[in-house]
PDB file of all heavy atoms in Angstrom:
ATOM      1  N   GLY A   1     -42.414 -27.808  11.749  1.00  0.00           N
ATOM      2  CA  GLY A   1     -41.778 -26.820  12.593  1.00  0.00           C
ATOM      3  C   GLY A   1     -41.166 -27.302  13.891  1.00  0.00           C
ATOM      4  O   GLY A   1     -40.739 -26.479  14.706  1.00  0.00           O
ATOM      5  N   SER A   2     -41.104 -28.598  14.110  1.00  0.00           N
ATOM      6  CA  SER A   2     -40.473 -29.129  15.314  1.00  0.00           C
ATOM      7  C   SER A   2     -38.953 -29.083  15.163  1.00  0.00           C
ATOM      8  O   SER A   2     -38.404 -29.641  14.215  1.00  0.00           O
ATOM      9  CB  SER A   2     -40.939 -30.560  15.571  1.00  0.00           C
ATOM     10  OG  SER A   2     -40.330 -31.088  16.729  1.00  0.00           O
ATOM     11  N   ALA A   3     -38.271 -28.430  16.113  1.00  0.00           N
ATOM     12  CA  ALA A   3     -36.834 -28.184  16.002  1.00  0.00           C
ATOM     13  C   ALA A   3     -36.017 -29.018  16.978  1.00  0.00           C
ATOM     14  O   ALA A   3     -36.467 -29.333  18.081  1.00  0.00           O
ATOM     15  CB  ALA A   3     -36.536 -26.704  16.218  1.00  0.00           C
ATOM     16  N   THR A   4     -34.808 -29.348  16.560  1.00  0.00           N
ATOM     17  CA  THR A   4     -33.840 -30.061  17.376  1.00  0.00           C
ATOM     18  C   THR A   4     -32.507 -29.335  17.293  1.00  0.00           C
ATOM     19  O   THR A   4     -32.115 -28.875  16.224  1.00  0.00           O
ATOM     20  CB  THR A   4     -33.660 -31.512  16.897  1.00  0.00           C
ATOM     21  OG1 THR A   4     -34.914 -32.197  16.956  1.00  0.00           O
ATOM     22  CG2 THR A   4     -32.644 -32.242  17.762  1.00  0.00           C
ATOM     23  N   TYR A   5     -31.795 -29.243  18.427  1.00  0.00           N
ATOM     24  CA  TYR A   5     -30.531 -28.525  18.469  1.00  0.00           C
ATOM     25  C   TYR A   5     -29.439 -29.363  19.112  1.00  0.00           C
ATOM     26  O   TYR A   5     -29.703 -30.163  20.016  1.00  0.00           O
ATOM     27  CB  TYR A   5     -30.651 -27.218  19.257  1.00  0.00           C
ATOM     28  CG  TYR A   5     -31.638 -26.240  18.688  1.00  0.00           C
ATOM     29  CD1 TYR A   5     -32.948 -26.211  19.122  1.00  0.00           C
ATOM     30  CD2 TYR A   5     -31.243 -25.330  17.710  1.00  0.00           C
ATOM     31  CE1 TYR A   5     -33.862 -25.307  18.596  1.00  0.00           C
ATOM     32  CE2 TYR A   5     -32.144 -24.428  17.179  1.00  0.00           C
ATOM     33  CZ  TYR A   5     -33.456 -24.415  17.624  1.00  0.00           C
ATOM     34  OH  TYR A   5     -34.346 -23.509  17.099  1.00  0.00           O
ATOM     35  N   ALA A   6     -28.218 -29.154  18.655  1.00  0.00           N
ATOM     36  CA  ALA A   6     -27.077 -29.714  19.350  1.00  0.00           C
ATOM     37  C   ALA A   6     -26.948 -29.036  20.707  1.00  0.00           C
ATOM     38  O   ALA A   6     -27.266 -27.847  20.845  1.00  0.00           O
ATOM     39  CB  ALA A   6     -25.803 -29.514  18.540  1.00  0.00           C
ATOM     40  N   ASP A   7     -26.483 -29.777  21.709  1.00  0.00           N
ATOM     41  CA  ASP A   7     -26.357 -29.207  23.046  1.00  0.00           C
ATOM     42  C   ASP A   7     -25.473 -27.959  23.063  1.00  0.00           C
ATOM     43  O   ASP A   7     -25.717 -27.027  23.833  1.00  0.00           O
ATOM     44  CB  ASP A   7     -25.788 -30.244  24.011  1.00  0.00           C
ATOM     45  CG  ASP A   7     -26.783 -31.338  24.344  1.00  0.00           C
ATOM     46  OD1 ASP A   7     -27.997 -31.132  24.137  1.00  0.00           O
ATOM     47  OD2 ASP A   7     -26.354 -32.403  24.821  1.00  0.00           O
ATOM     48  N   SER A   8     -24.460 -27.933  22.221  1.00  0.00           N
ATOM     49  CA  SER A   8     -23.509 -26.836  22.221  1.00  0.00           C
ATOM     50  C   SER A   8     -24.097 -25.511  21.740  1.00  0.00           C
ATOM     51  O   SER A   8     -23.533 -24.452  22.015  1.00  0.00           O
ATOM     52  CB  SER A   8     -22.290 -27.187  21.360  1.00  0.00           C
ATOM     53  OG  SER A   8     -22.672 -27.457  20.027  1.00  0.00           O
ATOM     54  N   VAL A   9     -25.221 -25.558  21.023  1.00  0.00           N
ATOM     55  CA  VAL A   9     -25.816 -24.327  20.495  1.00  0.00           C
ATOM     56  C   VAL A   9     -27.191 -24.049  21.073  1.00  0.00           C
ATOM     57  O   VAL A   9     -27.793 -23.009  20.764  1.00  0.00           O
ATOM     58  CB  VAL A   9     -25.906 -24.349  18.958  1.00  0.00           C
ATOM     59  CG1 VAL A   9     -24.555 -24.668  18.345  1.00  0.00           C
ATOM     60  CG2 VAL A   9     -26.961 -25.345  18.476  1.00  0.00           C
ATOM     61  N   LYS A  10     -27.675 -24.948  21.887  1.00  0.00           N
ATOM     62  CA  LYS A  10     -29.001 -24.779  22.484  1.00  0.00           C
ATOM     63  C   LYS A  10     -29.068 -23.471  23.270  1.00  0.00           C
ATOM     64  O   LYS A  10     -28.140 -23.111  23.984  1.00  0.00           O
ATOM     65  CB  LYS A  10     -29.302 -25.977  23.379  1.00  0.00           C
ATOM     66  CG  LYS A  10     -30.779 -26.244  23.613  1.00  0.00           C
ATOM     67  CD  LYS A  10     -30.987 -27.629  24.234  1.00  0.00           C
ATOM     68  CE  LYS A  10     -30.570 -28.742  23.299  1.00  0.00           C
ATOM     69  NZ  LYS A  10     -30.811 -30.094  23.884  1.00  0.00           N
ATOM     70  N   ASP A  11     -30.156 -22.768  23.132  1.00  0.00           N
ATOM     71  CA  ASP A  11     -30.421 -21.486  23.791  1.00  0.00           C
ATOM     72  C   ASP A  11     -29.675 -20.318  23.152  1.00  0.00           C
ATOM     73  O   ASP A  11     -29.794 -19.178  23.618  1.00  0.00           O
ATOM     74  CB  ASP A  11     -30.104 -21.527  25.285  1.00  0.00           C
ATOM     75  CG  ASP A  11     -30.915 -22.566  26.033  1.00  0.00           C
ATOM     76  OD1 ASP A  11     -32.107 -22.737  25.709  1.00  0.00           O
ATOM     77  OD2 ASP A  11     -30.360 -23.210  26.946  1.00  0.00           O
ATOM     78  N   ARG A  12     -28.912 -20.579  22.094  1.00  0.00           N
ATOM     79  CA  ARG A  12     -28.209 -19.505  21.399  1.00  0.00           C
ATOM     80  C   ARG A  12     -28.634 -19.400  19.938  1.00  0.00           C
ATOM     81  O   ARG A  12     -28.779 -18.293  19.410  1.00  0.00           O
ATOM     82  CB  ARG A  12     -26.695 -19.702  21.472  1.00  0.00           C
ATOM     83  CG  ARG A  12     -26.134 -19.611  22.880  1.00  0.00           C
ATOM     84  CD  ARG A  12     -24.609 -19.592  22.862  1.00  0.00           C
ATOM     85  NE  ARG A  12     -24.055 -20.835  22.321  1.00  0.00           N
ATOM     86  CZ  ARG A  12     -23.306 -20.902  21.225  1.00  0.00           C
ATOM     87  NH1 ARG A  12     -23.015 -19.800  20.545  1.00  0.00           N
ATOM     88  NH2 ARG A  12     -22.818 -22.069  20.816  1.00  0.00           N
ATOM     89  N   PHE A  13     -28.808 -20.540  19.281  1.00  0.00           N
ATOM     90  CA  PHE A  13     -29.191 -20.561  17.872  1.00  0.00           C
ATOM     91  C   PHE A  13     -30.672 -20.890  17.736  1.00  0.00           C
ATOM     92  O   PHE A  13     -31.238 -21.620  18.555  1.00  0.00           O
ATOM     93  CB  PHE A  13     -28.382 -21.605  17.099  1.00  0.00           C
ATOM     94  CG  PHE A  13     -26.913 -21.311  16.993  1.00  0.00           C
ATOM     95  CD1 PHE A  13     -26.344 -20.197  17.600  1.00  0.00           C
ATOM     96  CD2 PHE A  13     -26.093 -22.164  16.269  1.00  0.00           C
ATOM     97  CE1 PHE A  13     -24.986 -19.939  17.496  1.00  0.00           C
ATOM     98  CE2 PHE A  13     -24.734 -21.912  16.158  1.00  0.00           C
ATOM     99  CZ  PHE A  13     -24.181 -20.804  16.766  1.00  0.00           C
ATOM    100  N   ILE A  14     -31.279 -20.384  16.675  1.00  0.00           N
ATOM    101  CA  ILE A  14     -32.681 -20.666  16.386  1.00  0.00           C
ATOM    102  C   ILE A  14     -32.818 -21.033  14.914  1.00  0.00           C
ATOM    103  O   ILE A  14     -32.386 -20.282  14.038  1.00  0.00           O
ATOM    104  CB  ILE A  14     -33.589 -19.468  16.701  1.00  0.00           C
ATOM    105  CG1 ILE A  14     -33.486 -19.076  18.180  1.00  0.00           C
ATOM    106  CG2 ILE A  14     -35.042 -19.801  16.350  1.00  0.00           C
ATOM    107  CD1 ILE A  14     -34.224 -17.806  18.542  1.00  0.00           C
ATOM    108  N   ILE A  15     -33.425 -22.178  14.653  1.00  0.00           N
ATOM    109  CA  ILE A  15     -33.684 -22.595  13.282  1.00  0.00           C
ATOM    110  C   ILE A  15     -35.150 -22.335  12.954  1.00  0.00           C
ATOM    111  O   ILE A  15     -36.025 -22.499  13.798  1.00  0.00           O
ATOM    112  CB  ILE A  15     -33.331 -24.083  13.059  1.00  0.00           C
ATOM    113  CG1 ILE A  15     -33.413 -24.446  11.573  1.00  0.00           C
ATOM    114  CG2 ILE A  15     -34.224 -24.998  13.892  1.00  0.00           C
ATOM    115  CD1 ILE A  15     -32.853 -25.833  11.252  1.00  0.00           C
ATOM    116  N   SER A  16     -35.409 -21.914  11.730  1.00  0.00           N
ATOM    117  CA  SER A  16     -36.770 -21.658  11.281  1.00  0.00           C
ATOM    118  C   SER A  16     -36.872 -21.964   9.795  1.00  0.00           C
ATOM    119  O   SER A  16     -35.860 -22.090   9.105  1.00  0.00           O
ATOM    120  CB  SER A  16     -37.181 -20.208  11.563  1.00  0.00           C
ATOM    121  OG  SER A  16     -36.352 -19.301  10.864  1.00  0.00           O
ATOM    122  N   ARG A  17     -38.087 -22.084   9.299  1.00  0.00           N
ATOM    123  CA  ARG A  17     -38.282 -22.353   7.878  1.00  0.00           C
ATOM    124  C   ARG A  17     -39.538 -21.678   7.366  1.00  0.00           C
ATOM    125  O   ARG A  17     -40.469 -21.390   8.121  1.00  0.00           O
ATOM    126  CB  ARG A  17     -38.346 -23.863   7.607  1.00  0.00           C
ATOM    127  CG  ARG A  17     -39.519 -24.577   8.257  1.00  0.00           C
ATOM    128  CD  ARG A  17     -39.398 -26.089   8.107  1.00  0.00           C
ATOM    129  NE  ARG A  17     -39.652 -26.537   6.745  1.00  0.00           N
ATOM    130  CZ  ARG A  17     -39.437 -27.785   6.311  1.00  0.00           C
ATOM    131  NH1 ARG A  17     -38.933 -28.697   7.141  1.00  0.00           N
ATOM    132  NH2 ARG A  17     -39.705 -28.115   5.054  1.00  0.00           N
ATOM    133  N   ASP A  18     -39.538 -21.444   6.070  1.00  0.00           N
ATOM    134  CA  ASP A  18     -40.689 -20.886   5.382  1.00  0.00           C
ATOM    135  C   ASP A  18     -41.042 -21.868   4.275  1.00  0.00           C
ATOM    136  O   ASP A  18     -40.378 -21.914   3.239  1.00  0.00           O
ATOM    137  CB  ASP A  18     -40.364 -19.506   4.815  1.00  0.00           C
ATOM    138  CG  ASP A  18     -41.574 -18.824   4.203  1.00  0.00           C
ATOM    139  OD1 ASP A  18     -42.519 -19.517   3.781  1.00  0.00           O
ATOM    140  OD2 ASP A  18     -41.576 -17.581   4.140  1.00  0.00           O
ATOM    141  N   ASN A  19     -42.060 -22.661   4.500  1.00  0.00           N
ATOM    142  CA  ASN A  19     -42.418 -23.707   3.548  1.00  0.00           C
ATOM    143  C   ASN A  19     -42.868 -23.149   2.198  1.00  0.00           C
ATOM    144  O   ASN A  19     -42.660 -23.778   1.163  1.00  0.00           O
ATOM    145  CB  ASN A  19     -43.513 -24.599   4.135  1.00  0.00           C
ATOM    146  CG  ASN A  19     -43.019 -25.427   5.302  1.00  0.00           C
ATOM    147  OD1 ASN A  19     -41.826 -25.695   5.434  1.00  0.00           O
ATOM    148  ND2 ASN A  19     -43.938 -25.850   6.161  1.00  0.00           N
ATOM    149  N   ALA A  20     -43.487 -21.991   2.218  1.00  0.00           N
ATOM    150  CA  ALA A  20     -43.948 -21.386   0.973  1.00  0.00           C
ATOM    151  C   ALA A  20     -42.786 -20.966   0.082  1.00  0.00           C
ATOM    152  O   ALA A  20     -42.921 -20.919  -1.143  1.00  0.00           O
ATOM    153  CB  ALA A  20     -44.848 -20.190   1.262  1.00  0.00           C
ATOM    154  N   LYS A  21     -41.644 -20.660   0.692  1.00  0.00           N
ATOM    155  CA  LYS A  21     -40.471 -20.212  -0.054  1.00  0.00           C
ATOM    156  C   LYS A  21     -39.377 -21.264  -0.139  1.00  0.00           C
ATOM    157  O   LYS A  21     -38.314 -21.002  -0.704  1.00  0.00           O
ATOM    158  CB  LYS A  21     -39.909 -18.940   0.573  1.00  0.00           C
ATOM    159  CG  LYS A  21     -40.859 -17.757   0.540  1.00  0.00           C
ATOM    160  CD  LYS A  21     -40.231 -16.529   1.177  1.00  0.00           C
ATOM    161  CE  LYS A  21     -41.168 -15.342   1.127  1.00  0.00           C
ATOM    162  NZ  LYS A  21     -40.569 -14.137   1.765  1.00  0.00           N
ATOM    163  N   ASN A  22     -39.620 -22.435   0.431  1.00  0.00           N
ATOM    164  CA  ASN A  22     -38.632 -23.520   0.443  1.00  0.00           C
ATOM    165  C   ASN A  22     -37.295 -23.055   1.015  1.00  0.00           C
ATOM    166  O   ASN A  22     -36.225 -23.341   0.471  1.00  0.00           O
ATOM    167  CB  ASN A  22     -38.427 -24.083  -0.966  1.00  0.00           C
ATOM    168  CG  ASN A  22     -39.636 -24.835  -1.475  1.00  0.00           C
ATOM    169  OD1 ASN A  22     -40.431 -25.357  -0.699  1.00  0.00           O
ATOM    170  ND2 ASN A  22     -39.779 -24.900  -2.798  1.00  0.00           N
ATOM    171  N   THR A  23     -37.371 -22.340   2.124  1.00  0.00           N
ATOM    172  CA  THR A  23     -36.165 -21.809   2.741  1.00  0.00           C
ATOM    173  C   THR A  23     -36.052 -22.238   4.199  1.00  0.00           C
ATOM    174  O   THR A  23     -37.051 -22.534   4.856  1.00  0.00           O
ATOM    175  CB  THR A  23     -36.123 -20.272   2.682  1.00  0.00           C
ATOM    176  OG1 THR A  23     -37.264 -19.739   3.369  1.00  0.00           O
ATOM    177  CG2 THR A  23     -36.131 -19.782   1.247  1.00  0.00           C
ATOM    178  N   VAL A  24     -34.826 -22.261   4.688  1.00  0.00           N
ATOM    179  CA  VAL A  24     -34.540 -22.529   6.085  1.00  0.00           C
ATOM    180  C   VAL A  24     -33.492 -21.519   6.541  1.00  0.00           C
ATOM    181  O   VAL A  24     -32.608 -21.137   5.774  1.00  0.00           O
ATOM    182  CB  VAL A  24     -34.061 -23.980   6.300  1.00  0.00           C
ATOM    183  CG1 VAL A  24     -32.761 -24.248   5.546  1.00  0.00           C
ATOM    184  CG2 VAL A  24     -33.904 -24.286   7.781  1.00  0.00           C
ATOM    185  N   HIS A  25     -33.618 -21.080   7.788  1.00  0.00           N
ATOM    186  CA  HIS A  25     -32.712 -20.077   8.344  1.00  0.00           C
ATOM    187  C   HIS A  25     -32.088 -20.580   9.636  1.00  0.00           C
ATOM    188  O   HIS A  25     -32.666 -21.408  10.339  1.00  0.00           O
ATOM    189  CB  HIS A  25     -33.451 -18.770   8.623  1.00  0.00           C
ATOM    190  CG  HIS A  25     -34.211 -18.234   7.460  1.00  0.00           C
ATOM    191  ND1 HIS A  25     -33.616 -17.500   6.449  1.00  0.00           N
ATOM    192  CD2 HIS A  25     -35.528 -18.327   7.132  1.00  0.00           C
ATOM    193  CE1 HIS A  25     -34.535 -17.164   5.557  1.00  0.00           C
ATOM    194  NE2 HIS A  25     -35.697 -17.647   5.946  1.00  0.00           N
ATOM    195  N   LEU A  26     -30.930 -20.059   9.939  1.00  0.00           N
ATOM    196  CA  LEU A  26     -30.290 -20.309  11.220  1.00  0.00           C
ATOM    197  C   LEU A  26     -29.869 -18.970  11.804  1.00  0.00           C
ATOM    198  O   LEU A  26     -28.953 -18.328  11.290  1.00  0.00           O
ATOM    199  CB  LEU A  26     -29.072 -21.226  11.080  1.00  0.00           C
ATOM    200  CG  LEU A  26     -28.408 -21.631  12.401  1.00  0.00           C
ATOM    201  CD1 LEU A  26     -29.338 -22.541  13.206  1.00  0.00           C
ATOM    202  CD2 LEU A  26     -27.074 -22.327  12.161  1.00  0.00           C
ATOM    203  N   GLN A  27     -30.559 -18.563  12.857  1.00  0.00           N
ATOM    204  CA  GLN A  27     -30.208 -17.342  13.565  1.00  0.00           C
ATOM    205  C   GLN A  27     -29.174 -17.687  14.621  1.00  0.00           C
ATOM    206  O   GLN A  27     -29.450 -18.454  15.537  1.00  0.00           O
ATOM    207  CB  GLN A  27     -31.450 -16.726  14.208  1.00  0.00           C
ATOM    208  CG  GLN A  27     -31.189 -15.445  14.986  1.00  0.00           C
ATOM    209  CD  GLN A  27     -30.786 -14.289  14.097  1.00  0.00           C
ATOM    210  OE1 GLN A  27     -31.321 -14.122  13.010  1.00  0.00           O
ATOM    211  NE2 GLN A  27     -29.828 -13.498  14.553  1.00  0.00           N
ATOM    212  N   MET A  28     -27.986 -17.128  14.478  1.00  0.00           N
ATOM    213  CA  MET A  28     -26.882 -17.416  15.382  1.00  0.00           C
ATOM    214  C   MET A  28     -26.702 -16.231  16.324  1.00  0.00           C
ATOM    215  O   MET A  28     -26.152 -15.200  15.947  1.00  0.00           O
ATOM    216  CB  MET A  28     -25.597 -17.695  14.604  1.00  0.00           C
ATOM    217  CG  MET A  28     -25.728 -18.833  13.598  1.00  0.00           C
ATOM    218  SD  MET A  28     -24.279 -19.030  12.520  1.00  0.00           S
ATOM    219  CE  MET A  28     -23.011 -19.453  13.710  1.00  0.00           C
ATOM    220  N   ASN A  29     -27.173 -16.392  17.537  1.00  0.00           N
ATOM    221  CA  ASN A  29     -27.040 -15.361  18.550  1.00  0.00           C
ATOM    222  C   ASN A  29     -25.886 -15.690  19.487  1.00  0.00           C
ATOM    223  O   ASN A  29     -25.669 -16.846  19.834  1.00  0.00           O
ATOM    224  CB  ASN A  29     -28.332 -15.220  19.356  1.00  0.00           C
ATOM    225  CG  ASN A  29     -29.506 -14.790  18.509  1.00  0.00           C
ATOM    226  OD1 ASN A  29     -29.373 -13.930  17.645  1.00  0.00           O
ATOM    227  ND2 ASN A  29     -30.672 -15.373  18.769  1.00  0.00           N
ATOM    228  N   SER A  30     -25.172 -14.667  19.898  1.00  0.00           N
ATOM    229  CA  SER A  30     -24.018 -14.823  20.795  1.00  0.00           C
ATOM    230  C   SER A  30     -23.075 -15.927  20.344  1.00  0.00           C
ATOM    231  O   SER A  30     -22.738 -16.830  21.123  1.00  0.00           O
ATOM    232  CB  SER A  30     -24.507 -15.091  22.229  1.00  0.00           C
ATOM    233  OG  SER A  30     -25.303 -14.033  22.711  1.00  0.00           O
ATOM    234  N   PRO A  31     -22.634 -15.898  19.098  1.00  0.00           N
ATOM    235  CA  PRO A  31     -21.710 -16.944  18.644  1.00  0.00           C
ATOM    236  C   PRO A  31     -20.387 -16.882  19.386  1.00  0.00           C
ATOM    237  O   PRO A  31     -19.955 -15.813  19.825  1.00  0.00           O
ATOM    238  CB  PRO A  31     -21.544 -16.634  17.157  1.00  0.00           C
ATOM    239  CG  PRO A  31     -21.796 -15.169  17.047  1.00  0.00           C
ATOM    240  CD  PRO A  31     -22.876 -14.887  18.052  1.00  0.00           C
ATOM    241  N   LYS A  32     -19.765 -18.038  19.511  1.00  0.00           N
ATOM    242  CA  LYS A  32     -18.481 -18.173  20.176  1.00  0.00           C
ATOM    243  C   LYS A  32     -17.420 -18.589  19.167  1.00  0.00           C
ATOM    244  O   LYS A  32     -17.741 -19.123  18.110  1.00  0.00           O
ATOM    245  CB  LYS A  32     -18.570 -19.228  21.279  1.00  0.00           C
ATOM    246  CG  LYS A  32     -19.669 -18.994  22.299  1.00  0.00           C
ATOM    247  CD  LYS A  32     -19.760 -20.164  23.273  1.00  0.00           C
ATOM    248  CE  LYS A  32     -20.868 -19.961  24.276  1.00  0.00           C
ATOM    249  NZ  LYS A  32     -20.984 -21.118  25.206  1.00  0.00           N
ATOM    250  N   PRO A  33     -16.138 -18.359  19.479  1.00  0.00           N
ATOM    251  CA  PRO A  33     -15.079 -18.811  18.574  1.00  0.00           C
ATOM    252  C   PRO A  33     -15.179 -20.299  18.245  1.00  0.00           C
ATOM    253  O   PRO A  33     -14.813 -20.700  17.138  1.00  0.00           O
ATOM    254  CB  PRO A  33     -13.795 -18.492  19.345  1.00  0.00           C
ATOM    255  CG  PRO A  33     -14.161 -17.307  20.179  1.00  0.00           C
ATOM    256  CD  PRO A  33     -15.589 -17.559  20.597  1.00  0.00           C
ATOM    257  N   GLU A  34     -15.671 -21.092  19.174  1.00  0.00           N
ATOM    258  CA  GLU A  34     -15.832 -22.524  18.941  1.00  0.00           C
ATOM    259  C   GLU A  34     -16.871 -22.833  17.872  1.00  0.00           C
ATOM    260  O   GLU A  34     -16.923 -23.955  17.373  1.00  0.00           O
ATOM    261  CB  GLU A  34     -16.235 -23.241  20.239  1.00  0.00           C
ATOM    262  CG  GLU A  34     -15.322 -22.951  21.420  1.00  0.00           C
ATOM    263  CD  GLU A  34     -15.807 -21.786  22.257  1.00  0.00           C
ATOM    264  OE1 GLU A  34     -16.637 -22.003  23.162  1.00  0.00           O
ATOM    265  OE2 GLU A  34     -15.347 -20.648  21.997  1.00  0.00           O
ATOM    266  N   ASP A  35     -17.704 -21.862  17.523  1.00  0.00           N
ATOM    267  CA  ASP A  35     -18.701 -22.046  16.476  1.00  0.00           C
ATOM    268  C   ASP A  35     -18.115 -21.865  15.082  1.00  0.00           C
ATOM    269  O   ASP A  35     -18.811 -22.096  14.092  1.00  0.00           O
ATOM    270  CB  ASP A  35     -19.867 -21.073  16.662  1.00  0.00           C
ATOM    271  CG  ASP A  35     -20.643 -21.331  17.946  1.00  0.00           C
ATOM    272  OD1 ASP A  35     -20.888 -22.511  18.267  1.00  0.00           O
ATOM    273  OD2 ASP A  35     -21.009 -20.350  18.615  1.00  0.00           O
ATOM    274  N   THR A  36     -16.878 -21.436  15.003  1.00  0.00           N
ATOM    275  CA  THR A  36     -16.220 -21.256  13.711  1.00  0.00           C
ATOM    276  C   THR A  36     -16.185 -22.580  12.954  1.00  0.00           C
ATOM    277  O   THR A  36     -15.704 -23.587  13.470  1.00  0.00           O
ATOM    278  CB  THR A  36     -14.799 -20.720  13.889  1.00  0.00           C
ATOM    279  OG1 THR A  36     -14.851 -19.409  14.449  1.00  0.00           O
ATOM    280  CG2 THR A  36     -14.070 -20.661  12.552  1.00  0.00           C
ATOM    281  N   SER A  37     -16.698 -22.572  11.738  1.00  0.00           N
ATOM    282  CA  SER A  37     -16.780 -23.794  10.953  1.00  0.00           C
ATOM    283  C   SER A  37     -17.359 -23.480   9.580  1.00  0.00           C
ATOM    284  O   SER A  37     -17.758 -22.348   9.306  1.00  0.00           O
ATOM    285  CB  SER A  37     -17.668 -24.822  11.665  1.00  0.00           C
ATOM    286  OG  SER A  37     -17.625 -26.080  11.015  1.00  0.00           O
ATOM    287  N   ILE A  38     -17.388 -24.484   8.735  1.00  0.00           N
ATOM    288  CA  ILE A  38     -18.150 -24.401   7.499  1.00  0.00           C
ATOM    289  C   ILE A  38     -19.528 -24.972   7.787  1.00  0.00           C
ATOM    290  O   ILE A  38     -19.649 -26.084   8.303  1.00  0.00           O
ATOM    291  CB  ILE A  38     -17.486 -25.177   6.344  1.00  0.00           C
ATOM    292  CG1 ILE A  38     -16.091 -24.631   6.060  1.00  0.00           C
ATOM    293  CG2 ILE A  38     -18.343 -25.096   5.091  1.00  0.00           C
ATOM    294  CD1 ILE A  38     -15.335 -25.412   5.010  1.00  0.00           C
ATOM    295  N   TYR A  39     -20.550 -24.210   7.459  1.00  0.00           N
ATOM    296  CA  TYR A  39     -21.917 -24.621   7.719  1.00  0.00           C
ATOM    297  C   TYR A  39     -22.588 -25.060   6.422  1.00  0.00           C
ATOM    298  O   TYR A  39     -22.500 -24.383   5.398  1.00  0.00           O
ATOM    299  CB  TYR A  39     -22.707 -23.472   8.350  1.00  0.00           C
ATOM    300  CG  TYR A  39     -22.364 -23.253   9.806  1.00  0.00           C
ATOM    301  CD1 TYR A  39     -21.143 -22.718  10.178  1.00  0.00           C
ATOM    302  CD2 TYR A  39     -23.264 -23.601  10.814  1.00  0.00           C
ATOM    303  CE1 TYR A  39     -20.814 -22.542  11.512  1.00  0.00           C
ATOM    304  CE2 TYR A  39     -22.951 -23.418  12.148  1.00  0.00           C
ATOM    305  CZ  TYR A  39     -21.725 -22.891  12.496  1.00  0.00           C
ATOM    306  OH  TYR A  39     -21.409 -22.709  13.817  1.00  0.00           O
ATOM    307  N   TYR A  40     -23.266 -26.205   6.485  1.00  0.00           N
ATOM    308  CA  TYR A  40     -23.907 -26.787   5.321  1.00  0.00           C
ATOM    309  C   TYR A  40     -25.410 -26.902   5.525  1.00  0.00           C
ATOM    310  O   TYR A  40     -25.869 -27.355   6.572  1.00  0.00           O
ATOM    311  CB  TYR A  40     -23.359 -28.185   5.028  1.00  0.00           C
ATOM    312  CG  TYR A  40     -21.887 -28.220   4.686  1.00  0.00           C
ATOM    313  CD1 TYR A  40     -20.925 -28.353   5.679  1.00  0.00           C
ATOM    314  CD2 TYR A  40     -21.467 -28.139   3.363  1.00  0.00           C
ATOM    315  CE1 TYR A  40     -19.578 -28.397   5.371  1.00  0.00           C
ATOM    316  CE2 TYR A  40     -20.122 -28.183   3.047  1.00  0.00           C
ATOM    317  CZ  TYR A  40     -19.186 -28.318   4.047  1.00  0.00           C
ATOM    318  OH  TYR A  40     -17.849 -28.363   3.742  1.00  0.00           O
ATOM    319  N   CYS A  41     -26.144 -26.526   4.523  1.00  0.00           N
ATOM    320  CA  CYS A  41     -27.590 -26.703   4.517  1.00  0.00           C
ATOM    321  C   CYS A  41     -27.928 -28.098   4.001  1.00  0.00           C
ATOM    322  O   CYS A  41     -27.285 -28.598   3.080  1.00  0.00           O
ATOM    323  CB  CYS A  41     -28.238 -25.642   3.630  1.00  0.00           C
ATOM    324  SG  CYS A  41     -30.032 -25.775   3.463  1.00  0.00           S
ATOM    325  N   ASN A  42     -28.921 -28.718   4.604  1.00  0.00           N
ATOM    326  CA  ASN A  42     -29.365 -30.052   4.203  1.00  0.00           C
ATOM    327  C   ASN A  42     -30.882 -30.089   4.128  1.00  0.00           C
ATOM    328  O   ASN A  42     -31.566 -29.463   4.934  1.00  0.00           O
ATOM    329  CB  ASN A  42     -28.858 -31.098   5.196  1.00  0.00           C
ATOM    330  CG  ASN A  42     -29.502 -32.463   4.985  1.00  0.00           C
ATOM    331  OD1 ASN A  42     -30.497 -32.795   5.628  1.00  0.00           O
ATOM    332  ND2 ASN A  42     -28.930 -33.255   4.094  1.00  0.00           N
TER     333      ASN A  42
END
């Protein structure tokens, strides 16, 4: 559960995971036009 963020999204986005379900989430709060992109899960 230790998280790392790019400086550009720090304090706005939150990453989380559920190990039992093998899932990861990205909560995008207050997104900006500069956040427009294709997002890939890894």
